[in-house]
Structures are given as structure tokens and as C-alpha cells.
Amino acid sequence: GVRAAGLGGSGSSEHLDALMKTDKVVVFLKGTP
């Protein structure tokens, strides 16, 4: 169930908002799980 998300995008707050709208839980890590 762990998804390593495809990054990229503008890095804007809209981009961050879009990153957090699909899964119930999202984590920003240094490294991977």
C-alpha cells in the first residue's frame, strides 16, 4: 500500500495541495519508507 509518489511540478503551494488530495495519508520523508 505504500506509494512512492512521482515528483516534479512547479513546487508551488498549488502543487503541494494537489499532492495531498488523493490519498488519506501522505508523508514527506528524507529517503523512502
PDB file of all heavy atoms in Angstrom:
ATOM      1  N   GLY A   1       0.776  -1.228   0.000  1.00  0.00           N
ATOM      2  CA  GLY A   1       0.000   0.000   0.000  1.00  0.00           C
ATOM      3  C   GLY A   1       0.803   1.269   0.000  1.00  0.00           C
ATOM      4  O   GLY A   1       0.250   2.343  -0.088  1.00  0.00           O
ATOM      5  N   VAL A   2       2.121   1.202   0.090  1.00  0.00           N
ATOM      6  CA  VAL A   2       2.946   2.407   0.126  1.00  0.00           C
ATOM      7  C   VAL A   2       3.275   2.820  -1.293  1.00  0.00           C
ATOM      8  O   VAL A   2       3.776   2.038  -2.078  1.00  0.00           O
ATOM      9  CB  VAL A   2       4.251   2.175   0.916  1.00  0.00           C
ATOM     10  CG1 VAL A   2       5.112   3.428   0.899  1.00  0.00           C
ATOM     11  CG2 VAL A   2       3.948   1.752   2.335  1.00  0.00           C
ATOM     12  N   ARG A   3       2.966   4.064  -1.615  1.00  0.00           N
ATOM     13  CA  ARG A   3       3.251   4.581  -2.937  1.00  0.00           C
ATOM     14  C   ARG A   3       4.357   5.612  -2.862  1.00  0.00           C
ATOM     15  O   ARG A   3       4.288   6.535  -2.076  1.00  0.00           O
ATOM     16  CB  ARG A   3       2.004   5.218  -3.545  1.00  0.00           C
ATOM     17  CG  ARG A   3       1.040   4.189  -4.050  1.00  0.00           C
ATOM     18  CD  ARG A   3      -0.326   4.743  -4.280  1.00  0.00           C
ATOM     19  NE  ARG A   3      -0.924   5.384  -3.101  1.00  0.00           N
ATOM     20  CZ  ARG A   3      -1.302   4.732  -2.009  1.00  0.00           C
ATOM     21  NH1 ARG A   3      -1.133   3.443  -1.906  1.00  0.00           N
ATOM     22  NH2 ARG A   3      -1.859   5.364  -1.006  1.00  0.00           N
ATOM     23  N   ALA A   4       5.370   5.420  -3.685  1.00  0.00           N
ATOM     24  CA  ALA A   4       6.399   6.446  -3.842  1.00  0.00           C
ATOM     25  C   ALA A   4       5.885   7.357  -4.935  1.00  0.00           C
ATOM     26  O   ALA A   4       5.677   6.938  -6.063  1.00  0.00           O
ATOM     27  CB  ALA A   4       7.724   5.834  -4.229  1.00  0.00           C
ATOM     28  N   ALA A   5       5.618   8.570  -4.576  1.00  0.00           N
ATOM     29  CA  ALA A   5       4.947   9.465  -5.488  1.00  0.00           C
ATOM     30  C   ALA A   5       5.887  10.006  -6.539  1.00  0.00           C
ATOM     31  O   ALA A   5       7.045  10.259  -6.279  1.00  0.00           O
ATOM     32  CB  ALA A   5       4.344  10.614  -4.695  1.00  0.00           C
ATOM     33  N   GLY A   6       5.354  10.175  -7.721  1.00  0.00           N
ATOM     34  CA  GLY A   6       6.100  10.848  -8.771  1.00  0.00           C
ATOM     35  C   GLY A   6       6.171  12.321  -8.431  1.00  0.00           C
ATOM     36  O   GLY A   6       5.168  12.958  -8.186  1.00  0.00           O
ATOM     37  N   LEU A   7       7.360  12.849  -8.392  1.00  0.00           N
ATOM     38  CA  LEU A   7       7.522  14.251  -8.018  1.00  0.00           C
ATOM     39  C   LEU A   7       7.442  15.117  -9.260  1.00  0.00           C
ATOM     40  O   LEU A   7       6.794  14.791 -10.208  1.00  0.00           O
ATOM     41  CB  LEU A   7       8.846  14.434  -7.270  1.00  0.00           C
ATOM     42  CG  LEU A   7       8.923  13.603  -5.988  1.00  0.00           C
ATOM     43  CD1 LEU A   7      10.290  13.741  -5.354  1.00  0.00           C
ATOM     44  CD2 LEU A   7       7.855  14.003  -5.004  1.00  0.00           C
ATOM     45  N   GLY A   8       8.113  16.194  -9.251  1.00  0.00           N
ATOM     46  CA  GLY A   8       8.044  17.099 -10.380  1.00  0.00           C
ATOM     47  C   GLY A   8       6.924  18.090 -10.164  1.00  0.00           C
ATOM     48  O   GLY A   8       6.225  18.051  -9.174  1.00  0.00           O
ATOM     49  N   GLY A   9       6.763  18.980 -11.076  1.00  0.00           N
ATOM     50  CA  GLY A   9       5.753  20.010 -10.908  1.00  0.00           C
ATOM     51  C   GLY A   9       6.410  21.310 -10.545  1.00  0.00           C
ATOM     52  O   GLY A   9       7.620  21.450 -10.545  1.00  0.00           O
ATOM     53  N   SER A  10       5.615  22.284 -10.222  1.00  0.00           N
ATOM     54  CA  SER A  10       6.131  23.634 -10.045  1.00  0.00           C
ATOM     55  C   SER A  10       6.712  23.894  -8.670  1.00  0.00           C
ATOM     56  O   SER A  10       7.416  24.866  -8.480  1.00  0.00           O
ATOM     57  CB  SER A  10       5.009  24.636 -10.315  1.00  0.00           C
ATOM     58  OG  SER A  10       4.016  24.512  -9.316  1.00  0.00           O
ATOM     59  N   GLY A  11       6.401  23.074  -7.676  1.00  0.00           N
ATOM     60  CA  GLY A  11       6.874  23.358  -6.323  1.00  0.00           C
ATOM     61  C   GLY A  11       6.061  24.438  -5.643  1.00  0.00           C
ATOM     62  O   GLY A  11       6.426  24.921  -4.586  1.00  0.00           O
ATOM     63  N   SER A  12       4.957  24.857  -6.253  1.00  0.00           N
ATOM     64  CA  SER A  12       4.127  25.910  -5.687  1.00  0.00           C
ATOM     65  C   SER A  12       3.207  25.334  -4.622  1.00  0.00           C
ATOM     66  O   SER A  12       3.078  24.122  -4.469  1.00  0.00           O
ATOM     67  CB  SER A  12       3.287  26.549  -6.794  1.00  0.00           C
ATOM     68  OG  SER A  12       2.352  25.619  -7.279  1.00  0.00           O
ATOM     69  N   SER A  13       2.550  26.213  -3.903  1.00  0.00           N
ATOM     70  CA  SER A  13       1.604  25.738  -2.890  1.00  0.00           C
ATOM     71  C   SER A  13       0.455  24.991  -3.552  1.00  0.00           C
ATOM     72  O   SER A  13      -0.097  24.061  -2.968  1.00  0.00           O
ATOM     73  CB  SER A  13       1.098  26.895  -2.032  1.00  0.00           C
ATOM     74  OG  SER A  13       0.449  27.858  -2.834  1.00  0.00           O
ATOM     75  N   GLU A  14       0.096  25.369  -4.799  1.00  0.00           N
ATOM     76  CA  GLU A  14      -0.935  24.633  -5.524  1.00  0.00           C
ATOM     77  C   GLU A  14      -0.454  23.218  -5.817  1.00  0.00           C
ATOM     78  O   GLU A  14      -1.228  22.261  -5.749  1.00  0.00           O
ATOM     79  CB  GLU A  14      -1.306  25.343  -6.833  1.00  0.00           C
ATOM     80  CG  GLU A  14      -1.998  26.671  -6.639  1.00  0.00           C
ATOM     81  CD  GLU A  14      -1.030  27.825  -6.383  1.00  0.00           C
ATOM     82  OE1 GLU A  14       0.181  27.683  -6.669  1.00  0.00           O
ATOM     83  OE2 GLU A  14      -1.485  28.851  -5.885  1.00  0.00           O
ATOM     84  N   HIS A  15       0.824  23.084  -6.149  1.00  0.00           N
ATOM     85  CA  HIS A  15       1.411  21.762  -6.403  1.00  0.00           C
ATOM     86  C   HIS A  15       1.352  20.925  -5.129  1.00  0.00           C
ATOM     87  O   HIS A  15       0.966  19.764  -5.165  1.00  0.00           O
ATOM     88  CB  HIS A  15       2.857  21.928  -6.885  1.00  0.00           C
ATOM     89  CG  HIS A  15       3.573  20.645  -7.090  1.00  0.00           C
ATOM     90  ND1 HIS A  15       4.707  20.321  -6.401  1.00  0.00           N
ATOM     91  CD2 HIS A  15       3.307  19.584  -7.897  1.00  0.00           C
ATOM     92  CE1 HIS A  15       5.112  19.118  -6.780  1.00  0.00           C
ATOM     93  NE2 HIS A  15       4.285  18.655  -7.686  1.00  0.00           N
ATOM     94  N   LEU A  16       1.721  21.514  -3.995  1.00  0.00           N
ATOM     95  CA  LEU A  16       1.663  20.784  -2.727  1.00  0.00           C
ATOM     96  C   LEU A  16       0.234  20.390  -2.396  1.00  0.00           C
ATOM     97  O   LEU A  16      -0.015  19.277  -1.940  1.00  0.00           O
ATOM     98  CB  LEU A  16       2.253  21.623  -1.595  1.00  0.00           C
ATOM     99  CG  LEU A  16       3.752  21.852  -1.646  1.00  0.00           C
ATOM    100  CD1 LEU A  16       4.176  22.799  -0.523  1.00  0.00           C
ATOM    101  CD2 LEU A  16       4.512  20.550  -1.563  1.00  0.00           C
ATOM    102  N   ASP A  17      -0.695  21.283  -2.640  1.00  0.00           N
ATOM    103  CA  ASP A  17      -2.096  20.978  -2.380  1.00  0.00           C
ATOM    104  C   ASP A  17      -2.553  19.797  -3.229  1.00  0.00           C
ATOM    105  O   ASP A  17      -3.230  18.889  -2.736  1.00  0.00           O
ATOM    106  CB  ASP A  17      -2.957  22.207  -2.665  1.00  0.00           C
ATOM    107  CG  ASP A  17      -4.397  22.019  -2.234  1.00  0.00           C
ATOM    108  OD1 ASP A  17      -4.612  21.600  -1.070  1.00  0.00           O
ATOM    109  OD2 ASP A  17      -5.290  22.275  -3.054  1.00  0.00           O
ATOM    110  N   ALA A  18      -2.141  19.771  -4.491  1.00  0.00           N
ATOM    111  CA  ALA A  18      -2.507  18.669  -5.381  1.00  0.00           C
ATOM    112  C   ALA A  18      -1.900  17.351  -4.899  1.00  0.00           C
ATOM    113  O   ALA A  18      -2.521  16.297  -5.025  1.00  0.00           O
ATOM    114  CB  ALA A  18      -2.045  18.967  -6.808  1.00  0.00           C
ATOM    115  N   LEU A  19      -0.697  17.402  -4.339  1.00  0.00           N
ATOM    116  CA  LEU A  19      -0.046  16.194  -3.844  1.00  0.00           C
ATOM    117  C   LEU A  19      -0.811  15.573  -2.681  1.00  0.00           C
ATOM    118  O   LEU A  19      -0.714  14.377  -2.442  1.00  0.00           O
ATOM    119  CB  LEU A  19       1.382  16.493  -3.387  1.00  0.00           C
ATOM    120  CG  LEU A  19       2.381  16.922  -4.451  1.00  0.00           C
ATOM    121  CD1 LEU A  19       3.733  17.220  -3.804  1.00  0.00           C
ATOM    122  CD2 LEU A  19       2.522  15.878  -5.534  1.00  0.00           C
ATOM    123  N   MET A  20      -1.562  16.388  -1.963  1.00  0.00           N
ATOM    124  CA  MET A  20      -2.220  15.920  -0.746  1.00  0.00           C
ATOM    125  C   MET A  20      -3.716  15.682  -0.916  1.00  0.00           C
ATOM    126  O   MET A  20      -4.447  15.649   0.051  1.00  0.00           O
ATOM    127  CB  MET A  20      -1.968  16.931   0.375  1.00  0.00           C
ATOM    128  CG  MET A  20      -0.499  17.043   0.721  1.00  0.00           C
ATOM    129  SD  MET A  20      -0.155  18.127   2.110  1.00  0.00           S
ATOM    130  CE  MET A  20      -0.244  19.721   1.319  1.00  0.00           C
ATOM    131  N   LYS A  21      -4.179  15.484  -2.148  1.00  0.00           N
ATOM    132  CA  LYS A  21      -5.620  15.322  -2.347  1.00  0.00           C
ATOM    133  C   LYS A  21      -6.058  13.958  -2.846  1.00  0.00           C
ATOM    134  O   LYS A  21      -7.232  13.788  -3.106  1.00  0.00           O
ATOM    135  CB  LYS A  21      -6.126  16.400  -3.305  1.00  0.00           C
ATOM    136  CG  LYS A  21      -6.193  17.749  -2.644  1.00  0.00           C
ATOM    137  CD  LYS A  21      -6.950  18.726  -3.467  1.00  0.00           C
ATOM    138  CE  LYS A  21      -7.086  20.014  -2.685  1.00  0.00           C
ATOM    139  NZ  LYS A  21      -7.707  21.066  -3.443  1.00  0.00           N
ATOM    140  N   THR A  22      -5.171  13.007  -2.957  1.00  0.00           N
ATOM    141  CA  THR A  22      -5.569  11.710  -3.487  1.00  0.00           C
ATOM    142  C   THR A  22      -5.593  10.628  -2.419  1.00  0.00           C
ATOM    143  O   THR A  22      -6.503   9.819  -2.383  1.00  0.00           O
ATOM    144  CB  THR A  22      -4.633  11.281  -4.634  1.00  0.00           C
ATOM    145  OG1 THR A  22      -4.668  12.292  -5.625  1.00  0.00           O
ATOM    146  CG2 THR A  22      -5.065   9.970  -5.236  1.00  0.00           C
ATOM    147  N   ASP A  23      -4.589  10.593  -1.551  1.00  0.00           N
ATOM    148  CA  ASP A  23      -4.512   9.573  -0.504  1.00  0.00           C
ATOM    149  C   ASP A  23      -4.899  10.153   0.843  1.00  0.00           C
ATOM    150  O   ASP A  23      -4.790  11.350   1.073  1.00  0.00           O
ATOM    151  CB  ASP A  23      -3.089   9.011  -0.426  1.00  0.00           C
ATOM    152  CG  ASP A  23      -2.749   8.200  -1.658  1.00  0.00           C
ATOM    153  OD1 ASP A  23      -3.413   7.167  -1.876  1.00  0.00           O
ATOM    154  OD2 ASP A  23      -1.838   8.598  -2.400  1.00  0.00           O
ATOM    155  N   LYS A  24      -5.339   9.279   1.730  1.00  0.00           N
ATOM    156  CA  LYS A  24      -5.707   9.718   3.075  1.00  0.00           C
ATOM    157  C   LYS A  24      -4.498  10.153   3.874  1.00  0.00           C
ATOM    158  O   LYS A  24      -4.583  11.027   4.720  1.00  0.00           O
ATOM    159  CB  LYS A  24      -6.432   8.604   3.824  1.00  0.00           C
ATOM    160  CG  LYS A  24      -7.807   8.329   3.292  1.00  0.00           C
ATOM    161  CD  LYS A  24      -8.494   7.269   4.102  1.00  0.00           C
ATOM    162  CE  LYS A  24      -9.876   7.002   3.545  1.00  0.00           C
ATOM    163  NZ  LYS A  24     -10.581   5.999   4.320  1.00  0.00           N
ATOM    164  N   VAL A  25      -3.351   9.504   3.624  1.00  0.00           N
ATOM    165  CA  VAL A  25      -2.127   9.814   4.366  1.00  0.00           C
ATOM    166  C   VAL A  25      -1.008  10.045   3.366  1.00  0.00           C
ATOM    167  O   VAL A  25      -0.813   9.273   2.436  1.00  0.00           O
ATOM    168  CB  VAL A  25      -1.735   8.661   5.321  1.00  0.00           C
ATOM    169  CG1 VAL A  25      -0.449   8.984   6.068  1.00  0.00           C
ATOM    170  CG2 VAL A  25      -2.859   8.364   6.297  1.00  0.00           C
ATOM    171  N   VAL A  26      -0.279  11.129   3.571  1.00  0.00           N
ATOM    172  CA  VAL A  26       0.894  11.422   2.747  1.00  0.00           C
ATOM    173  C   VAL A  26       2.017  11.838   3.686  1.00  0.00           C
ATOM    174  O   VAL A  26       1.779  12.519   4.683  1.00  0.00           O
ATOM    175  CB  VAL A  26       0.597  12.520   1.701  1.00  0.00           C
ATOM    176  CG1 VAL A  26       0.280  13.852   2.335  1.00  0.00           C
ATOM    177  CG2 VAL A  26       1.742  12.679   0.735  1.00  0.00           C
ATOM    178  N   VAL A  27       3.215  11.368   3.392  1.00  0.00           N
ATOM    179  CA  VAL A  27       4.375  11.753   4.202  1.00  0.00           C
ATOM    180  C   VAL A  27       5.480  12.253   3.285  1.00  0.00           C
ATOM    181  O   VAL A  27       5.655  11.754   2.176  1.00  0.00           O
ATOM    182  CB  VAL A  27       4.900  10.596   5.087  1.00  0.00           C
ATOM    183  CG1 VAL A  27       3.891  10.239   6.152  1.00  0.00           C
ATOM    184  CG2 VAL A  27       5.268   9.382   4.273  1.00  0.00           C
ATOM    185  N   PHE A  28       6.182  13.260   3.753  1.00  0.00           N
ATOM    186  CA  PHE A  28       7.346  13.783   3.069  1.00  0.00           C
ATOM    187  C   PHE A  28       8.548  13.345   3.894  1.00  0.00           C
ATOM    188  O   PHE A  28       8.693  13.752   5.046  1.00  0.00           O
ATOM    189  CB  PHE A  28       7.271  15.307   2.971  1.00  0.00           C
ATOM    190  CG  PHE A  28       6.112  15.769   2.128  1.00  0.00           C
ATOM    191  CD1 PHE A  28       4.906  16.112   2.714  1.00  0.00           C
ATOM    192  CD2 PHE A  28       6.227  15.849   0.751  1.00  0.00           C
ATOM    193  CE1 PHE A  28       3.830  16.526   1.945  1.00  0.00           C
ATOM    194  CE2 PHE A  28       5.157  16.262  -0.029  1.00  0.00           C
ATOM    195  CZ  PHE A  28       3.958  16.605   0.566  1.00  0.00           C
ATOM    196  N   LEU A  29       9.377  12.495   3.306  1.00  0.00           N
ATOM    197  CA  LEU A  29      10.489  11.892   4.035  1.00  0.00           C
ATOM    198  C   LEU A  29      11.822  12.262   3.405  1.00  0.00           C
ATOM    199  O   LEU A  29      11.891  12.562   2.215  1.00  0.00           O
ATOM    200  CB  LEU A  29      10.382  10.359   3.995  1.00  0.00           C
ATOM    201  CG  LEU A  29       9.117   9.705   4.507  1.00  0.00           C
ATOM    202  CD1 LEU A  29       9.122   8.225   4.155  1.00  0.00           C
ATOM    203  CD2 LEU A  29       8.995   9.905   5.999  1.00  0.00           C
ATOM    204  N   LYS A  30      12.859  12.174   4.191  1.00  0.00           N
ATOM    205  CA  LYS A  30      14.211  12.129   3.649  1.00  0.00           C
ATOM    206  C   LYS A  30      14.498  10.651   3.462  1.00  0.00           C
ATOM    207  O   LYS A  30      14.661   9.914   4.419  1.00  0.00           O
ATOM    208  CB  LYS A  30      15.218  12.746   4.609  1.00  0.00           C
ATOM    209  CG  LYS A  30      15.103  14.249   4.715  1.00  0.00           C
ATOM    210  CD  LYS A  30      16.172  14.799   5.638  1.00  0.00           C
ATOM    211  CE  LYS A  30      16.060  16.307   5.756  1.00  0.00           C
ATOM    212  NZ  LYS A  30      17.030  16.832   6.722  1.00  0.00           N
ATOM    213  N   GLY A  31      14.480  10.212   2.206  1.00  0.00           N
ATOM    214  CA  GLY A  31      14.628   8.796   1.903  1.00  0.00           C
ATOM    215  C   GLY A  31      13.273   8.184   1.575  1.00  0.00           C
ATOM    216  O   GLY A  31      12.339   8.882   1.188  1.00  0.00           O
ATOM    217  N   THR A  32      13.201   6.880   1.732  1.00  0.00           N
ATOM    218  CA  THR A  32      11.978   6.139   1.429  1.00  0.00           C
ATOM    219  C   THR A  32      11.543   5.381   2.677  1.00  0.00           C
ATOM    220  O   THR A  32      12.343   5.219   3.607  1.00  0.00           O
ATOM    221  CB  THR A  32      12.240   5.123   0.301  1.00  0.00           C
ATOM    222  OG1 THR A  32      13.182   4.150   0.759  1.00  0.00           O
ATOM    223  CG2 THR A  32      12.761   5.801  -0.963  1.00  0.00           C
ATOM    224  N   PRO A  33      10.315   4.870   2.699  1.00  0.00           N
ATOM    225  CA  PRO A  33       9.906   4.083   3.863  1.00  0.00           C
ATOM    226  C   PRO A  33      10.802   2.864   4.088  1.00  0.00           C
ATOM    227  O   PRO A  33      11.051   2.474   5.222  1.00  0.00           O
ATOM    228  CB  PRO A  33       8.475   3.651   3.519  1.00  0.00           C
ATOM    229  CG  PRO A  33       7.980   4.719   2.609  1.00  0.00           C
ATOM    230  CD  PRO A  33       9.189   5.114   1.788  1.00  0.00           C
TER     231      PRO A  33
END
